[in-house]
Amino acid sequence: EKYRKTHTGNFTLQRYKGLGEMDAEQLWETTLDPER
């Protein structure tokens, strides 16, 4: 909701139903990388 309010341009939204839908790179940068 916050993103919708602060981004007026067009954007595509990808919904993750499960961890299995992420590739290795996405899983690292969102869930495994201690920095992020």
PDB file of all heavy atoms in Angstrom:
ATOM      1  N   GLU A   1       0.828  -1.206   0.000  1.00  0.00           N
ATOM      2  CA  GLU A   1       0.000   0.000   0.000  1.00  0.00           C
ATOM      3  C   GLU A   1       0.866   1.261   0.000  1.00  0.00           C
ATOM      4  O   GLU A   1       0.569   2.246  -0.690  1.00  0.00           O
ATOM      5  CB  GLU A   1      -0.918  -0.002   1.233  1.00  0.00           C
ATOM      6  CG  GLU A   1      -2.076  -0.990   1.145  1.00  0.00           C
ATOM      7  CD  GLU A   1      -2.925  -0.791  -0.110  1.00  0.00           C
ATOM      8  OE1 GLU A   1      -3.325   0.363  -0.374  1.00  0.00           O
ATOM      9  OE2 GLU A   1      -3.155  -1.774  -0.838  1.00  0.00           O
ATOM     10  N   LYS A   2       1.933   1.231   0.763  1.00  0.00           N
ATOM     11  CA  LYS A   2       2.844   2.374   0.811  1.00  0.00           C
ATOM     12  C   LYS A   2       3.495   2.585  -0.550  1.00  0.00           C
ATOM     13  O   LYS A   2       3.653   3.726  -1.019  1.00  0.00           O
ATOM     14  CB  LYS A   2       3.905   2.141   1.893  1.00  0.00           C
ATOM     15  CG  LYS A   2       4.839   3.320   2.111  1.00  0.00           C
ATOM     16  CD  LYS A   2       5.797   3.049   3.261  1.00  0.00           C
ATOM     17  CE  LYS A   2       6.737   4.236   3.470  1.00  0.00           C
ATOM     18  NZ  LYS A   2       7.701   3.979   4.570  1.00  0.00           N
ATOM     19  N   TYR A   3       3.867   1.480  -1.218  1.00  0.00           N
ATOM     20  CA  TYR A   3       4.490   1.564  -2.539  1.00  0.00           C
ATOM     21  C   TYR A   3       3.520   2.170  -3.552  1.00  0.00           C
ATOM     22  O   TYR A   3       3.898   3.004  -4.373  1.00  0.00           O
ATOM     23  CB  TYR A   3       4.932   0.165  -2.989  1.00  0.00           C
ATOM     24  CG  TYR A   3       5.752   0.171  -4.271  1.00  0.00           C
ATOM     25  CD1 TYR A   3       7.129   0.324  -4.233  1.00  0.00           C
ATOM     26  CD2 TYR A   3       5.123   0.023  -5.517  1.00  0.00           C
ATOM     27  CE1 TYR A   3       7.883   0.329  -5.399  1.00  0.00           C
ATOM     28  CE2 TYR A   3       5.859   0.031  -6.692  1.00  0.00           C
ATOM     29  CZ  TYR A   3       7.237   0.183  -6.621  1.00  0.00           C
ATOM     30  OH  TYR A   3       7.980   0.198  -7.782  1.00  0.00           O
ATOM     31  N   ARG A   4       2.264   1.724  -3.473  1.00  0.00           N
ATOM     32  CA  ARG A   4       1.248   2.261  -4.405  1.00  0.00           C
ATOM     33  C   ARG A   4       1.107   3.781  -4.251  1.00  0.00           C
ATOM     34  O   ARG A   4       0.949   4.515  -5.223  1.00  0.00           O
ATOM     35  CB  ARG A   4      -0.114   1.601  -4.148  1.00  0.00           C
ATOM     36  CG  ARG A   4      -0.209   0.132  -4.540  1.00  0.00           C
ATOM     37  CD  ARG A   4      -1.658  -0.334  -4.399  1.00  0.00           C
ATOM     38  NE  ARG A   4      -1.795  -1.766  -4.432  1.00  0.00           N
ATOM     39  CZ  ARG A   4      -1.843  -2.496  -5.561  1.00  0.00           C
ATOM     40  NH1 ARG A   4      -1.733  -1.891  -6.730  1.00  0.00           N
ATOM     41  NH2 ARG A   4      -1.988  -3.807  -5.492  1.00  0.00           N
ATOM     42  N   LYS A   5       1.164   4.263  -3.000  1.00  0.00           N
ATOM     43  CA  LYS A   5       0.978   5.692  -2.747  1.00  0.00           C
ATOM     44  C   LYS A   5       2.176   6.519  -3.191  1.00  0.00           C
ATOM     45  O   LYS A   5       2.035   7.690  -3.554  1.00  0.00           O
ATOM     46  CB  LYS A   5       0.707   5.918  -1.261  1.00  0.00           C
ATOM     47  CG  LYS A   5      -0.638   5.375  -0.785  1.00  0.00           C
ATOM     48  CD  LYS A   5      -0.793   5.551   0.723  1.00  0.00           C
ATOM     49  CE  LYS A   5      -2.122   4.960   1.202  1.00  0.00           C
ATOM     50  NZ  LYS A   5      -2.267   5.067   2.680  1.00  0.00           N
ATOM     51  N   THR A   6       3.360   5.928  -3.147  1.00  0.00           N
ATOM     52  CA  THR A   6       4.574   6.697  -3.436  1.00  0.00           C
ATOM     53  C   THR A   6       5.088   6.501  -4.854  1.00  0.00           C
ATOM     54  O   THR A   6       6.062   7.139  -5.247  1.00  0.00           O
ATOM     55  CB  THR A   6       5.689   6.318  -2.440  1.00  0.00           C
ATOM     56  OG1 THR A   6       5.893   4.890  -2.462  1.00  0.00           O
ATOM     57  CG2 THR A   6       5.315   6.746  -1.027  1.00  0.00           C
ATOM     58  N   HIS A   7       4.462   5.602  -5.638  1.00  0.00           N
ATOM     59  CA  HIS A   7       4.891   5.365  -7.023  1.00  0.00           C
ATOM     60  C   HIS A   7       3.688   5.568  -7.941  1.00  0.00           C
ATOM     61  O   HIS A   7       2.790   4.718  -8.005  1.00  0.00           O
ATOM     62  CB  HIS A   7       5.458   3.948  -7.191  1.00  0.00           C
ATOM     63  CG  HIS A   7       6.757   3.755  -6.475  1.00  0.00           C
ATOM     64  ND1 HIS A   7       6.832   3.622  -5.103  1.00  0.00           N
ATOM     65  CD2 HIS A   7       8.040   3.681  -6.942  1.00  0.00           C
ATOM     66  CE1 HIS A   7       8.096   3.460  -4.752  1.00  0.00           C
ATOM     67  NE2 HIS A   7       8.849   3.500  -5.840  1.00  0.00           N
ATOM     68  N   THR A   8       3.695   6.700  -8.603  1.00  0.00           N
ATOM     69  CA  THR A   8       2.545   7.054  -9.447  1.00  0.00           C
ATOM     70  C   THR A   8       2.619   6.438 -10.834  1.00  0.00           C
ATOM     71  O   THR A   8       1.613   6.330 -11.528  1.00  0.00           O
ATOM     72  CB  THR A   8       2.453   8.588  -9.578  1.00  0.00           C
ATOM     73  OG1 THR A   8       3.727   9.095 -10.063  1.00  0.00           O
ATOM     74  CG2 THR A   8       2.144   9.225  -8.231  1.00  0.00           C
ATOM     75  N   GLY A   9       3.819   6.022 -11.259  1.00  0.00           N
ATOM     76  CA  GLY A   9       3.955   5.446 -12.600  1.00  0.00           C
ATOM     77  C   GLY A   9       3.453   4.019 -12.676  1.00  0.00           C
ATOM     78  O   GLY A   9       3.050   3.421 -11.668  1.00  0.00           O
ATOM     79  N   ASN A  10       3.459   3.454 -13.860  1.00  0.00           N
ATOM     80  CA  ASN A  10       3.032   2.067 -14.044  1.00  0.00           C
ATOM     81  C   ASN A  10       4.083   1.113 -13.484  1.00  0.00           C
ATOM     82  O   ASN A  10       5.292   1.351 -13.600  1.00  0.00           O
ATOM     83  CB  ASN A  10       2.820   1.769 -15.531  1.00  0.00           C
ATOM     84  CG  ASN A  10       1.654   2.554 -16.095  1.00  0.00           C
ATOM     85  OD1 ASN A  10       0.674   2.812 -15.406  1.00  0.00           O
ATOM     86  ND2 ASN A  10       1.760   2.952 -17.369  1.00  0.00           N
ATOM     87  N   PHE A  11       3.584   0.042 -12.879  1.00  0.00           N
ATOM     88  CA  PHE A  11       4.505  -0.999 -12.432  1.00  0.00           C
ATOM     89  C   PHE A  11       3.808  -2.351 -12.491  1.00  0.00           C
ATOM     90  O   PHE A  11       2.582  -2.453 -12.376  1.00  0.00           O
ATOM     91  CB  PHE A  11       5.028  -0.716 -11.012  1.00  0.00           C
ATOM     92  CG  PHE A  11       3.988  -0.750  -9.941  1.00  0.00           C
ATOM     93  CD1 PHE A  11       3.681  -1.935  -9.278  1.00  0.00           C
ATOM     94  CD2 PHE A  11       3.308   0.412  -9.562  1.00  0.00           C
ATOM     95  CE1 PHE A  11       2.724  -1.967  -8.268  1.00  0.00           C
ATOM     96  CE2 PHE A  11       2.366   0.390  -8.556  1.00  0.00           C
ATOM     97  CZ  PHE A  11       2.068  -0.795  -7.904  1.00  0.00           C
ATOM     98  N   THR A  12       4.627  -3.377 -12.671  1.00  0.00           N
ATOM     99  CA  THR A  12       4.130  -4.760 -12.684  1.00  0.00           C
ATOM    100  C   THR A  12       4.360  -5.360 -11.303  1.00  0.00           C
ATOM    101  O   THR A  12       5.417  -5.144 -10.698  1.00  0.00           O
ATOM    102  CB  THR A  12       4.880  -5.605 -13.738  1.00  0.00           C
ATOM    103  OG1 THR A  12       4.754  -4.963 -15.006  1.00  0.00           O
ATOM    104  CG2 THR A  12       4.306  -7.009 -13.803  1.00  0.00           C
ATOM    105  N   LEU A  13       3.378  -6.102 -10.835  1.00  0.00           N
ATOM    106  CA  LEU A  13       3.475  -6.690  -9.509  1.00  0.00           C
ATOM    107  C   LEU A  13       3.557  -8.207  -9.616  1.00  0.00           C
ATOM    108  O   LEU A  13       2.688  -8.841 -10.211  1.00  0.00           O
ATOM    109  CB  LEU A  13       2.250  -6.296  -8.667  1.00  0.00           C
ATOM    110  CG  LEU A  13       2.356  -6.538  -7.165  1.00  0.00           C
ATOM    111  CD1 LEU A  13       3.441  -5.652  -6.552  1.00  0.00           C
ATOM    112  CD2 LEU A  13       1.018  -6.287  -6.483  1.00  0.00           C
ATOM    113  N   GLN A  14       4.617  -8.754  -9.068  1.00  0.00           N
ATOM    114  CA  GLN A  14       4.779 -10.212  -9.029  1.00  0.00           C
ATOM    115  C   GLN A  14       4.473 -10.709  -7.622  1.00  0.00           C
ATOM    116  O   GLN A  14       5.042 -10.229  -6.657  1.00  0.00           O
ATOM    117  CB  GLN A  14       6.206 -10.600  -9.427  1.00  0.00           C
ATOM    118  CG  GLN A  14       6.436 -12.114  -9.457  1.00  0.00           C
ATOM    119  CD  GLN A  14       7.850 -12.472  -9.903  1.00  0.00           C
ATOM    120  OE1 GLN A  14       8.618 -11.598 -10.308  1.00  0.00           O
ATOM    121  NE2 GLN A  14       8.193 -13.736  -9.834  1.00  0.00           N
ATOM    122  N   ARG A  15       3.549 -11.654  -7.497  1.00  0.00           N
ATOM    123  CA  ARG A  15       3.138 -12.192  -6.197  1.00  0.00           C
ATOM    124  C   ARG A  15       3.809 -13.545  -5.998  1.00  0.00           C
ATOM    125  O   ARG A  15       3.684 -14.441  -6.829  1.00  0.00           O
ATOM    126  CB  ARG A  15       1.613 -12.340  -6.154  1.00  0.00           C
ATOM    127  CG  ARG A  15       1.074 -13.183  -4.981  1.00  0.00           C
ATOM    128  CD  ARG A  15       1.117 -12.394  -3.680  1.00  0.00           C
ATOM    129  NE  ARG A  15       0.075 -12.775  -2.757  1.00  0.00           N
ATOM    130  CZ  ARG A  15       0.232 -13.666  -1.772  1.00  0.00           C
ATOM    131  NH1 ARG A  15       1.376 -14.274  -1.598  1.00  0.00           N
ATOM    132  NH2 ARG A  15      -0.776 -13.920  -0.945  1.00  0.00           N
ATOM    133  N   TYR A  16       4.566 -13.689  -4.887  1.00  0.00           N
ATOM    134  CA  TYR A  16       5.223 -14.954  -4.587  1.00  0.00           C
ATOM    135  C   TYR A  16       4.312 -15.799  -3.700  1.00  0.00           C
ATOM    136  O   TYR A  16       4.070 -15.452  -2.548  1.00  0.00           O
ATOM    137  CB  TYR A  16       6.547 -14.717  -3.865  1.00  0.00           C
ATOM    138  CG  TYR A  16       7.581 -14.011  -4.697  1.00  0.00           C
ATOM    139  CD1 TYR A  16       8.020 -12.743  -4.348  1.00  0.00           C
ATOM    140  CD2 TYR A  16       8.130 -14.603  -5.827  1.00  0.00           C
ATOM    141  CE1 TYR A  16       8.978 -12.075  -5.099  1.00  0.00           C
ATOM    142  CE2 TYR A  16       9.089 -13.950  -6.590  1.00  0.00           C
ATOM    143  CZ  TYR A  16       9.504 -12.685  -6.220  1.00  0.00           C
ATOM    144  OH  TYR A  16      10.446 -12.027  -6.964  1.00  0.00           O
ATOM    145  N   LYS A  17       3.797 -16.894  -4.208  1.00  0.00           N
ATOM    146  CA  LYS A  17       2.973 -17.793  -3.395  1.00  0.00           C
ATOM    147  C   LYS A  17       3.823 -18.734  -2.562  1.00  0.00           C
ATOM    148  O   LYS A  17       3.366 -19.308  -1.591  1.00  0.00           O
ATOM    149  CB  LYS A  17       2.027 -18.609  -4.289  1.00  0.00           C
ATOM    150  CG  LYS A  17       0.892 -17.805  -4.884  1.00  0.00           C
ATOM    151  CD  LYS A  17      -0.048 -17.266  -3.823  1.00  0.00           C
ATOM    152  CE  LYS A  17      -0.872 -18.368  -3.155  1.00  0.00           C
ATOM    153  NZ  LYS A  17      -1.801 -17.803  -2.147  1.00  0.00           N
ATOM    154  N   GLY A  18       5.092 -18.893  -2.968  1.00  0.00           N
ATOM    155  CA  GLY A  18       5.960 -19.785  -2.213  1.00  0.00           C
ATOM    156  C   GLY A  18       7.413 -19.539  -2.530  1.00  0.00           C
ATOM    157  O   GLY A  18       7.757 -18.917  -3.543  1.00  0.00           O
ATOM    158  N   LEU A  19       8.289 -20.032  -1.654  1.00  0.00           N
ATOM    159  CA  LEU A  19       9.723 -19.857  -1.856  1.00  0.00           C
ATOM    160  C   LEU A  19      10.203 -20.570  -3.115  1.00  0.00           C
ATOM    161  O   LEU A  19      11.179 -20.157  -3.739  1.00  0.00           O
ATOM    162  CB  LEU A  19      10.481 -20.398  -0.633  1.00  0.00           C
ATOM    163  CG  LEU A  19      10.268 -19.630   0.673  1.00  0.00           C
ATOM    164  CD1 LEU A  19      10.793 -20.445   1.847  1.00  0.00           C
ATOM    165  CD2 LEU A  19      10.965 -18.287   0.622  1.00  0.00           C
ATOM    166  N   GLY A  20       9.501 -21.645  -3.462  1.00  0.00           N
ATOM    167  CA  GLY A  20       9.880 -22.406  -4.647  1.00  0.00           C
ATOM    168  C   GLY A  20       9.748 -21.623  -5.945  1.00  0.00           C
ATOM    169  O   GLY A  20      10.310 -22.005  -6.969  1.00  0.00           O
ATOM    170  N   GLU A  21       8.982 -20.516  -5.909  1.00  0.00           N
ATOM    171  CA  GLU A  21       8.814 -19.695  -7.113  1.00  0.00           C
ATOM    172  C   GLU A  21       9.989 -18.759  -7.341  1.00  0.00           C
ATOM    173  O   GLU A  21      10.084 -18.118  -8.387  1.00  0.00           O
ATOM    174  CB  GLU A  21       7.518 -18.880  -7.008  1.00  0.00           C
ATOM    175  CG  GLU A  21       6.256 -19.732  -7.020  1.00  0.00           C
ATOM    176  CD  GLU A  21       5.009 -18.868  -6.996  1.00  0.00           C
ATOM    177  OE1 GLU A  21       5.122 -17.633  -7.106  1.00  0.00           O
ATOM    178  OE2 GLU A  21       3.916 -19.425  -6.866  1.00  0.00           O
ATOM    179  N   MET A  22      10.871 -18.626  -6.356  1.00  0.00           N
ATOM    180  CA  MET A  22      12.033 -17.747  -6.510  1.00  0.00           C
ATOM    181  C   MET A  22      13.215 -18.528  -7.051  1.00  0.00           C
ATOM    182  O   MET A  22      13.439 -19.683  -6.678  1.00  0.00           O
ATOM    183  CB  MET A  22      12.428 -17.152  -5.147  1.00  0.00           C
ATOM    184  CG  MET A  22      11.421 -16.220  -4.543  1.00  0.00           C
ATOM    185  SD  MET A  22      12.097 -15.489  -3.029  1.00  0.00           S
ATOM    186  CE  MET A  22      10.644 -14.676  -2.405  1.00  0.00           C
ATOM    187  N   ASP A  23      13.993 -17.872  -7.935  1.00  0.00           N
ATOM    188  CA  ASP A  23      15.232 -18.508  -8.356  1.00  0.00           C
ATOM    189  C   ASP A  23      16.292 -18.248  -7.280  1.00  0.00           C
ATOM    190  O   ASP A  23      16.071 -17.502  -6.317  1.00  0.00           O
ATOM    191  CB  ASP A  23      15.681 -17.998  -9.727  1.00  0.00           C
ATOM    192  CG  ASP A  23      15.898 -16.486  -9.759  1.00  0.00           C
ATOM    193  OD1 ASP A  23      16.316 -15.923  -8.732  1.00  0.00           O
ATOM    194  OD2 ASP A  23      15.650 -15.878 -10.817  1.00  0.00           O
ATOM    195  N   ALA A  24      17.456 -18.859  -7.440  1.00  0.00           N
ATOM    196  CA  ALA A  24      18.487 -18.807  -6.406  1.00  0.00           C
ATOM    197  C   ALA A  24      18.926 -17.374  -6.113  1.00  0.00           C
ATOM    198  O   ALA A  24      19.113 -16.988  -4.959  1.00  0.00           O
ATOM    199  CB  ALA A  24      19.686 -19.655  -6.835  1.00  0.00           C
ATOM    200  N   GLU A  25      19.051 -16.559  -7.162  1.00  0.00           N
ATOM    201  CA  GLU A  25      19.503 -15.186  -6.966  1.00  0.00           C
ATOM    202  C   GLU A  25      18.496 -14.371  -6.156  1.00  0.00           C
ATOM    203  O   GLU A  25      18.864 -13.626  -5.238  1.00  0.00           O
ATOM    204  CB  GLU A  25      19.728 -14.514  -8.326  1.00  0.00           C
ATOM    205  CG  GLU A  25      20.293 -13.105  -8.205  1.00  0.00           C
ATOM    206  CD  GLU A  25      20.536 -12.452  -9.557  1.00  0.00           C
ATOM    207  OE1 GLU A  25      20.384 -13.143 -10.585  1.00  0.00           O
ATOM    208  OE2 GLU A  25      20.859 -11.255  -9.587  1.00  0.00           O
ATOM    209  N   GLN A  26      17.205 -14.540  -6.478  1.00  0.00           N
ATOM    210  CA  GLN A  26      16.162 -13.822  -5.738  1.00  0.00           C
ATOM    211  C   GLN A  26      16.109 -14.274  -4.279  1.00  0.00           C
ATOM    212  O   GLN A  26      15.946 -13.465  -3.360  1.00  0.00           O
ATOM    213  CB  GLN A  26      14.802 -14.040  -6.404  1.00  0.00           C
ATOM    214  CG  GLN A  26      14.647 -13.367  -7.746  1.00  0.00           C
ATOM    215  CD  GLN A  26      13.337 -13.736  -8.415  1.00  0.00           C
ATOM    216  OE1 GLN A  26      12.831 -14.847  -8.234  1.00  0.00           O
ATOM    217  NE2 GLN A  26      12.791 -12.825  -9.200  1.00  0.00           N
ATOM    218  N   LEU A  27      16.248 -15.570  -4.060  1.00  0.00           N
ATOM    219  CA  LEU A  27      16.198 -16.101  -2.697  1.00  0.00           C
ATOM    220  C   LEU A  27      17.364 -15.569  -1.866  1.00  0.00           C
ATOM    221  O   LEU A  27      17.207 -15.232  -0.684  1.00  0.00           O
ATOM    222  CB  LEU A  27      16.227 -17.631  -2.737  1.00  0.00           C
ATOM    223  CG  LEU A  27      15.757 -18.369  -1.484  1.00  0.00           C
ATOM    224  CD1 LEU A  27      14.354 -17.970  -1.103  1.00  0.00           C
ATOM    225  CD2 LEU A  27      15.838 -19.875  -1.691  1.00  0.00           C
ATOM    226  N   TRP A  28      18.533 -15.460  -2.492  1.00  0.00           N
ATOM    227  CA  TRP A  28      19.700 -14.935  -1.780  1.00  0.00           C
ATOM    228  C   TRP A  28      19.487 -13.483  -1.370  1.00  0.00           C
ATOM    229  O   TRP A  28      19.663 -13.123  -0.209  1.00  0.00           O
ATOM    230  CB  TRP A  28      20.954 -15.051  -2.646  1.00  0.00           C
ATOM    231  CG  TRP A  28      22.109 -14.244  -2.124  1.00  0.00           C
ATOM    232  CD1 TRP A  28      22.593 -13.063  -2.615  1.00  0.00           C
ATOM    233  CD2 TRP A  28      22.912 -14.532  -0.964  1.00  0.00           C
ATOM    234  NE1 TRP A  28      23.636 -12.606  -1.854  1.00  0.00           N
ATOM    235  CE2 TRP A  28      23.867 -13.484  -0.826  1.00  0.00           C
ATOM    236  CE3 TRP A  28      22.915 -15.567  -0.026  1.00  0.00           C
ATOM    237  CZ2 TRP A  28      24.794 -13.460   0.194  1.00  0.00           C
ATOM    238  CZ3 TRP A  28      23.858 -15.529   0.993  1.00  0.00           C
ATOM    239  CH2 TRP A  28      24.775 -14.489   1.103  1.00  0.00           C
ATOM    240  N   GLU A  29      19.076 -12.656  -2.307  1.00  0.00           N
ATOM    241  CA  GLU A  29      19.016 -11.232  -2.008  1.00  0.00           C
ATOM    242  C   GLU A  29      17.838 -10.836  -1.115  1.00  0.00           C
ATOM    243  O   GLU A  29      17.847  -9.800  -0.478  1.00  0.00           O
ATOM    244  CB  GLU A  29      19.008 -10.395  -3.298  1.00  0.00           C
ATOM    245  CG  GLU A  29      17.820 -10.617  -4.190  1.00  0.00           C
ATOM    246  CD  GLU A  29      17.959  -9.867  -5.514  1.00  0.00           C
ATOM    247  OE1 GLU A  29      19.086  -9.508  -5.893  1.00  0.00           O
ATOM    248  OE2 GLU A  29      16.921  -9.662  -6.169  1.00  0.00           O
ATOM    249  N   THR A  30      16.817 -11.699  -1.033  1.00  0.00           N
ATOM    250  CA  THR A  30      15.655 -11.357  -0.201  1.00  0.00           C
ATOM    251  C   THR A  30      15.639 -12.050   1.148  1.00  0.00           C
ATOM    252  O   THR A  30      15.137 -11.498   2.133  1.00  0.00           O
ATOM    253  CB  THR A  30      14.346 -11.714  -0.921  1.00  0.00           C
ATOM    254  OG1 THR A  30      14.296 -13.139  -1.130  1.00  0.00           O
ATOM    255  CG2 THR A  30      14.225 -10.995  -2.247  1.00  0.00           C
ATOM    256  N   THR A  31      16.167 -13.270   1.221  1.00  0.00           N
ATOM    257  CA  THR A  31      15.930 -14.102   2.406  1.00  0.00           C
ATOM    258  C   THR A  31      17.190 -14.668   3.048  1.00  0.00           C
ATOM    259  O   THR A  31      17.196 -14.967   4.240  1.00  0.00           O
ATOM    260  CB  THR A  31      14.984 -15.272   2.044  1.00  0.00           C
ATOM    261  OG1 THR A  31      13.924 -14.787   1.225  1.00  0.00           O
ATOM    262  CG2 THR A  31      14.383 -15.912   3.276  1.00  0.00           C
ATOM    263  N   LEU A  32      18.269 -14.799   2.274  1.00  0.00           N
ATOM    264  CA  LEU A  32      19.477 -15.429   2.801  1.00  0.00           C
ATOM    265  C   LEU A  32      20.601 -14.447   3.100  1.00  0.00           C
ATOM    266  O   LEU A  32      21.395 -14.665   4.016  1.00  0.00           O
ATOM    267  CB  LEU A  32      19.991 -16.495   1.822  1.00  0.00           C
ATOM    268  CG  LEU A  32      19.103 -17.718   1.612  1.00  0.00           C
ATOM    269  CD1 LEU A  32      19.644 -18.570   0.479  1.00  0.00           C
ATOM    270  CD2 LEU A  32      19.012 -18.544   2.875  1.00  0.00           C
ATOM    271  N   ASP A  33      20.699 -13.375   2.343  1.00  0.00           N
ATOM    272  CA  ASP A  33      21.809 -12.441   2.479  1.00  0.00           C
ATOM    273  C   ASP A  33      21.728 -11.699   3.818  1.00  0.00           C
ATOM    274  O   ASP A  33      20.786 -10.927   4.055  1.00  0.00           O
ATOM    275  CB  ASP A  33      21.776 -11.428   1.336  1.00  0.00           C
ATOM    276  CG  ASP A  33      22.940 -10.437   1.405  1.00  0.00           C
ATOM    277  OD1 ASP A  33      23.803 -10.598   2.284  1.00  0.00           O
ATOM    278  OD2 ASP A  33      22.976  -9.508   0.568  1.00  0.00           O
ATOM    279  N   PRO A  34      22.697 -11.898   4.722  1.00  0.00           N
ATOM    280  CA  PRO A  34      22.641 -11.247   6.043  1.00  0.00           C
ATOM    281  C   PRO A  34      22.586  -9.720   5.966  1.00  0.00           C
ATOM    282  O   PRO A  34      22.120  -9.076   6.908  1.00  0.00           O
ATOM    283  CB  PRO A  34      23.946 -11.706   6.717  1.00  0.00           C
ATOM    284  CG  PRO A  34      24.314 -12.980   6.020  1.00  0.00           C
ATOM    285  CD  PRO A  34      23.858 -12.808   4.602  1.00  0.00           C
ATOM    286  N   GLU A  35      23.053  -9.142   4.880  1.00  0.00           N
ATOM    287  CA  GLU A  35      23.063  -7.692   4.743  1.00  0.00           C
ATOM    288  C   GLU A  35      21.683  -7.132   4.387  1.00  0.00           C
ATOM    289  O   GLU A  35      21.394  -5.965   4.634  1.00  0.00           O
ATOM    290  CB  GLU A  35      24.081  -7.266   3.674  1.00  0.00           C
ATOM    291  CG  GLU A  35      25.519  -7.640   3.996  1.00  0.00           C
ATOM    292  CD  GLU A  35      26.027  -6.954   5.253  1.00  0.00           C
ATOM    293  OE1 GLU A  35      25.674  -5.773   5.469  1.00  0.00           O
ATOM    294  OE2 GLU A  35      26.758  -7.602   6.029  1.00  0.00           O
ATOM    295  N   ARG A  36      20.829  -7.950   3.755  1.00  0.00           N
ATOM    296  CA  ARG A  36      19.570  -7.417   3.242  1.00  0.00           C
ATOM    297  C   ARG A  36      18.316  -8.103   3.782  1.00  0.00           C
ATOM    298  O   ARG A  36      17.227  -7.559   3.701  1.00  0.00           O
ATOM    299  CB  ARG A  36      19.557  -7.497   1.702  1.00  0.00           C
ATOM    300  CG  ARG A  36      20.512  -6.526   1.043  1.00  0.00           C
ATOM    301  CD  ARG A  36      20.506  -6.677  -0.472  1.00  0.00           C
ATOM    302  NE  ARG A  36      21.251  -7.848  -0.907  1.00  0.00           N
ATOM    303  CZ  ARG A  36      21.454  -8.179  -2.178  1.00  0.00           C
ATOM    304  NH1 ARG A  36      20.925  -7.427  -3.136  1.00  0.00           N
ATOM    305  NH2 ARG A  36      22.154  -9.245  -2.495  1.00  0.00           N
TER     306      ARG A  36
END
